[in-house]
Amino acid sequence: MDIIKILRQVEFIYPKDDKYIYCIPEGLNISDSQMYSISGISGSGKSTLLTLFAALRRFHQGIIQYTFTPKNVLKVTTTNWKKTIGPQFWGNIGFSFQKPELIRALTVKANLELAIGKTNLENMALALFEKKEWDEIKESKIWTLSGGQMQRLGIIRAFGANQNLVFMDEPTNNLDKSNRQKVVDFIQKYRKDKSIIFVSHDMPFLEMLDIHKTFEVREESKYQKRGKRILRVT
């Protein structure tokens, strides 16, 4: 089963920086329970394209179909955006940001409970934190944490109870070699029934994962449109 199908080419342009058109071509599919990566030089638009796959940005043209289950199929278009993108959509998706967006007013534990509930919280936390470290931070507020601790919390949150589509943007930012290995082990342990798309410059990290396919972002200057350069994931 394909969890994502691009039914019509997706295009996006930043209103204040419109020299590039970011494109995901028609016919590109993401299969269920597989891992993918997006590669390209720095500044090529990898993170922007990742957010387009996740419908975190309202694209200007295109149709994306999400098949979370055989009975839960959603088509996202520019015209039905407000109707489609909401709780019924986000409950199926996890996103690990370069800078995790955590609720500063809540404790570490409360942040995770919102996403993954209480049942597996301790086991998932102890997969990325030593017990002593976890015990020290779980009742702390988010703003007291280090960058590496916040990064690991964002990864745990992305693998919530119902998420079967996970997007990870530079998940090993701020992490040392030991914690990078823990992230690999965590992903392998909790990836069941999840499709995962990565953006990462950390090639040793990606090489430790079973990446099904890598999409490359290329500038197609010879196919300029309205005087703008096209960045296309292929």
Protein backbone atom coordinates (compact mmCIF):
# COMPACT_ATOMS: atom_id res chain seq x y z
CA MET A 1 0.00 0.00 0.00
CA ASP A 2 1.20 3.52 -0.79
CA ILE A 3 0.72 5.82 2.18
CA ILE A 4 1.46 8.93 0.05
CA LYS A 5 0.64 9.40 -3.62
CA ILE A 6 1.30 12.60 -5.53
CA LEU A 7 -1.75 12.69 -7.80
CA ARG A 8 -0.90 16.08 -9.29
CA GLN A 9 2.47 17.84 -9.14
CA VAL A 10 2.87 19.83 -5.92
CA GLU A 11 4.31 23.34 -6.23
CA PHE A 12 5.18 25.88 -3.55
CA ILE A 13 6.72 29.37 -3.65
CA TYR A 14 7.75 31.46 -0.65
CA PRO A 15 5.87 34.80 -0.88
CA LYS A 16 8.92 36.87 0.16
CA ASP A 17 11.52 34.84 -1.73
CA ASP A 18 9.92 33.77 -4.98
CA LYS A 19 12.94 32.94 -7.12
CA TYR A 20 12.47 29.19 -6.53
CA ILE A 21 9.53 26.87 -7.19
CA TYR A 22 9.66 23.81 -4.93
CA CYS A 23 8.15 20.77 -6.67
CA ILE A 24 7.17 17.19 -5.90
CA PRO A 25 6.35 15.49 -9.21
CA GLU A 26 3.16 13.68 -10.06
CA GLY A 27 3.48 9.89 -9.71
CA LEU A 28 5.91 9.93 -6.77
CA ASN A 29 4.80 7.45 -4.09
CA ILE A 30 5.76 6.62 -0.50
CA SER A 31 5.10 2.99 0.40
CA ASP A 32 3.76 1.75 3.71
CA SER A 33 6.33 0.74 6.38
CA GLN A 34 9.39 1.86 4.36
CA MET A 35 12.14 4.40 5.13
CA TYR A 36 13.15 7.15 2.69
CA SER A 37 15.62 10.02 2.68
CA ILE A 38 15.85 13.33 0.82
CA SER A 39 19.34 14.38 -0.26
CA GLY A 40 20.79 17.53 -1.78
CA ILE A 41 23.33 20.26 -1.19
CA SER A 42 22.90 22.71 1.70
CA GLY A 43 20.22 25.26 0.95
CA SER A 44 18.66 23.19 -1.82
CA GLY A 45 15.25 23.06 -0.16
CA LYS A 46 15.27 19.62 1.46
CA SER A 47 13.48 20.78 4.62
CA THR A 48 10.94 22.76 2.61
CA LEU A 49 10.13 19.71 0.50
CA LEU A 50 9.87 17.57 3.63
CA THR A 51 7.25 19.94 5.04
CA LEU A 52 5.37 19.76 1.73
CA PHE A 53 5.25 15.96 1.97
CA ALA A 54 3.85 16.41 5.49
CA ALA A 55 1.34 19.10 4.43
CA LEU A 56 2.86 21.48 6.96
CA ARG A 57 2.84 24.17 4.28
CA ARG A 58 -0.14 25.09 2.16
CA PHE A 59 1.09 24.42 -1.35
CA HIS A 60 -0.09 26.51 -4.29
CA GLN A 61 -0.81 23.68 -6.69
CA GLY A 62 -1.17 19.91 -6.54
CA ILE A 63 -2.99 16.98 -4.98
CA ILE A 64 -1.56 14.63 -2.33
CA GLN A 65 -3.40 11.48 -1.30
CA TYR A 66 -2.70 10.00 2.14
CA THR A 67 -3.83 6.42 2.83
CA PHE A 68 -3.35 5.97 6.57
CA THR A 69 -5.58 2.87 6.57
CA PRO A 70 -7.84 1.39 3.86
CA LYS A 71 -10.74 3.24 5.50
CA ASN A 72 -8.83 6.45 6.22
CA VAL A 73 -7.95 7.99 2.86
CA LEU A 74 -7.56 11.77 2.55
CA LYS A 75 -6.91 13.84 -0.57
CA VAL A 76 -5.31 17.19 0.19
CA THR A 77 -5.78 19.97 -2.38
CA THR A 78 -5.48 23.74 -2.37
CA THR A 79 -9.26 24.07 -2.32
CA ASN A 80 -10.11 21.60 0.47
CA TRP A 81 -7.14 22.50 2.70
CA LYS A 82 -9.08 23.95 5.63
CA LYS A 83 -11.50 21.01 5.66
CA THR A 84 -8.83 18.31 5.38
CA ILE A 85 -5.89 19.56 7.45
CA GLY A 86 -6.97 19.25 11.06
CA PRO A 87 -7.08 16.79 13.99
CA GLN A 88 -8.20 13.90 11.76
CA PHE A 89 -5.05 14.44 9.70
CA TRP A 90 -2.41 15.32 12.31
CA GLY A 91 -3.32 12.37 14.51
CA ASN A 92 -1.67 10.10 11.93
CA ILE A 93 1.58 12.05 11.51
CA GLY A 94 4.69 12.55 13.63
CA PHE A 95 7.33 15.19 12.95
CA SER A 96 10.80 15.53 14.49
CA PHE A 97 11.96 19.09 13.82
CA GLN A 98 15.53 20.40 13.74
CA LYS A 99 14.47 22.55 16.68
CA PRO A 100 11.79 20.57 18.52
CA GLU A 101 8.59 22.51 19.12
CA LEU A 102 7.79 21.54 22.71
CA ILE A 103 5.39 23.25 25.10
CA ARG A 104 7.57 25.31 27.42
CA ALA A 105 4.95 25.64 30.16
CA LEU A 106 4.72 21.85 30.61
CA THR A 107 7.13 19.36 32.11
CA VAL A 108 9.09 16.92 29.99
CA LYS A 109 6.81 14.06 30.98
CA ALA A 110 3.62 16.06 30.30
CA ASN A 111 4.87 16.98 26.82
CA LEU A 112 5.31 13.32 25.95
CA GLU A 113 2.01 12.25 27.51
CA LEU A 114 0.18 14.57 25.12
CA ALA A 115 1.62 12.72 22.13
CA ILE A 116 2.14 9.11 23.17
CA GLY A 117 0.00 8.63 26.26
CA LYS A 118 1.18 7.01 29.48
CA THR A 119 1.36 3.32 28.57
CA ASN A 120 4.67 3.21 26.66
CA LEU A 121 6.13 6.50 27.84
CA GLU A 122 8.74 5.13 30.27
CA ASN A 123 9.94 2.40 27.89
CA MET A 124 10.28 4.83 24.99
CA ALA A 125 12.05 7.41 27.16
CA LEU A 126 14.52 4.86 28.51
CA ALA A 127 15.39 3.83 24.96
CA LEU A 128 16.96 7.28 24.44
CA PHE A 129 17.86 8.34 28.00
CA GLU A 130 19.84 6.67 30.75
CA LYS A 131 17.57 6.02 33.73
CA LYS A 132 19.42 8.48 35.95
CA GLU A 133 19.16 11.24 33.32
CA TRP A 134 15.48 10.52 32.70
CA ASP A 135 14.66 10.59 36.42
CA GLU A 136 16.44 13.94 36.71
CA ILE A 137 14.61 15.64 33.83
CA LYS A 138 11.12 14.10 33.56
CA GLU A 139 9.51 16.58 35.99
CA SER A 140 11.57 19.52 34.68
CA LYS A 141 10.30 22.28 32.43
CA ILE A 142 11.39 22.23 28.80
CA TRP A 143 13.39 25.46 28.98
CA THR A 144 15.86 23.87 31.45
CA LEU A 145 17.01 21.17 28.99
CA SER A 146 20.06 20.99 26.74
CA GLY A 147 19.74 20.96 22.96
CA GLY A 148 20.53 17.25 22.81
CA GLN A 149 17.90 16.40 25.42
CA MET A 150 15.26 18.40 23.55
CA GLN A 151 16.24 16.68 20.30
CA ARG A 152 15.70 13.23 21.81
CA LEU A 153 12.35 14.27 23.29
CA GLY A 154 11.22 15.48 19.88
CA ILE A 155 12.11 12.09 18.38
CA ILE A 156 10.14 10.20 21.04
CA ARG A 157 7.13 12.45 20.52
CA ALA A 158 7.20 11.85 16.74
CA PHE A 159 6.68 8.12 17.32
CA GLY A 160 3.36 8.52 19.08
CA ALA A 161 0.66 5.95 19.58
CA ASN A 162 -1.20 6.41 16.28
CA GLN A 163 1.40 7.95 13.96
CA ASN A 164 2.04 5.74 10.95
CA LEU A 165 3.82 8.44 8.94
CA VAL A 166 6.90 10.07 10.51
CA PHE A 167 9.03 12.93 9.17
CA MET A 168 12.50 13.52 10.65
CA ASP A 169 14.47 16.69 9.89
CA GLU A 170 18.14 16.37 10.95
CA PRO A 171 17.27 14.07 13.90
CA THR A 172 20.90 13.73 15.05
CA ASN A 173 21.44 17.48 15.49
CA ASN A 174 23.18 18.19 18.83
CA LEU A 175 23.81 14.48 19.45
CA ASP A 176 27.14 12.74 20.07
CA LYS A 177 28.12 9.36 18.62
CA SER A 178 26.66 7.39 21.53
CA ASN A 179 23.28 9.10 21.34
CA ARG A 180 23.23 8.81 17.55
CA GLN A 181 23.43 5.03 17.97
CA LYS A 182 20.58 5.17 20.48
CA VAL A 183 18.46 7.03 17.93
CA VAL A 184 19.19 4.34 15.33
CA ASP A 185 18.22 1.60 17.80
CA PHE A 186 15.09 3.54 18.81
CA ILE A 187 13.95 3.94 15.20
CA GLN A 188 14.55 0.26 14.43
CA LYS A 189 12.60 -0.76 17.53
CA TYR A 190 9.59 1.53 17.02
CA ARG A 191 9.40 1.76 13.22
CA LYS A 192 6.89 -1.09 12.86
CA ASP A 193 3.93 -0.09 10.64
CA LYS A 194 5.45 3.38 10.10
CA SER A 195 6.72 5.02 6.95
CA ILE A 196 9.59 7.39 7.73
CA ILE A 197 11.12 10.16 5.61
CA PHE A 198 14.46 11.67 6.69
CA VAL A 199 16.37 14.80 5.85
CA SER A 200 19.88 14.47 7.22
CA HIS A 201 23.45 15.47 6.39
CA ASP A 202 24.64 12.72 8.77
CA MET A 203 25.59 10.01 6.28
CA PRO A 204 26.96 7.54 8.89
CA PHE A 205 23.56 7.77 10.61
CA LEU A 206 21.62 7.12 7.39
CA GLU A 207 23.93 4.23 6.49
CA MET A 208 22.92 2.47 9.70
CA LEU A 209 19.27 2.50 8.62
CA ASP A 210 17.44 0.40 6.06
CA ILE A 211 16.68 3.22 3.61
CA HIS A 212 14.38 1.97 0.87
CA LYS A 213 14.94 4.90 -1.51
CA THR A 214 16.69 8.28 -1.56
CA PHE A 215 15.08 11.23 -3.36
CA GLU A 216 17.45 13.89 -4.67
CA VAL A 217 16.68 17.60 -4.84
CA ARG A 218 17.93 19.09 -8.08
CA GLU A 219 17.78 22.53 -9.61
CA GLU A 220 16.25 22.31 -13.07
CA SER A 221 17.42 25.66 -14.41
CA LYS A 222 16.78 24.62 -18.01
CA TYR A 223 13.09 24.23 -17.15
CA GLN A 224 12.53 27.70 -15.81
CA LYS A 225 8.96 28.73 -15.18
CA ARG A 226 7.89 32.37 -15.02
CA GLY A 227 11.56 33.31 -14.71
CA LYS A 228 11.98 31.22 -11.54
CA ARG A 229 14.31 28.31 -10.90
CA ILE A 230 12.73 24.95 -10.19
CA LEU A 231 13.90 22.75 -7.31
CA ARG A 232 12.47 19.29 -7.80
CA VAL A 233 12.70 16.16 -5.69
CA THR A 234 13.23 13.11 -7.94
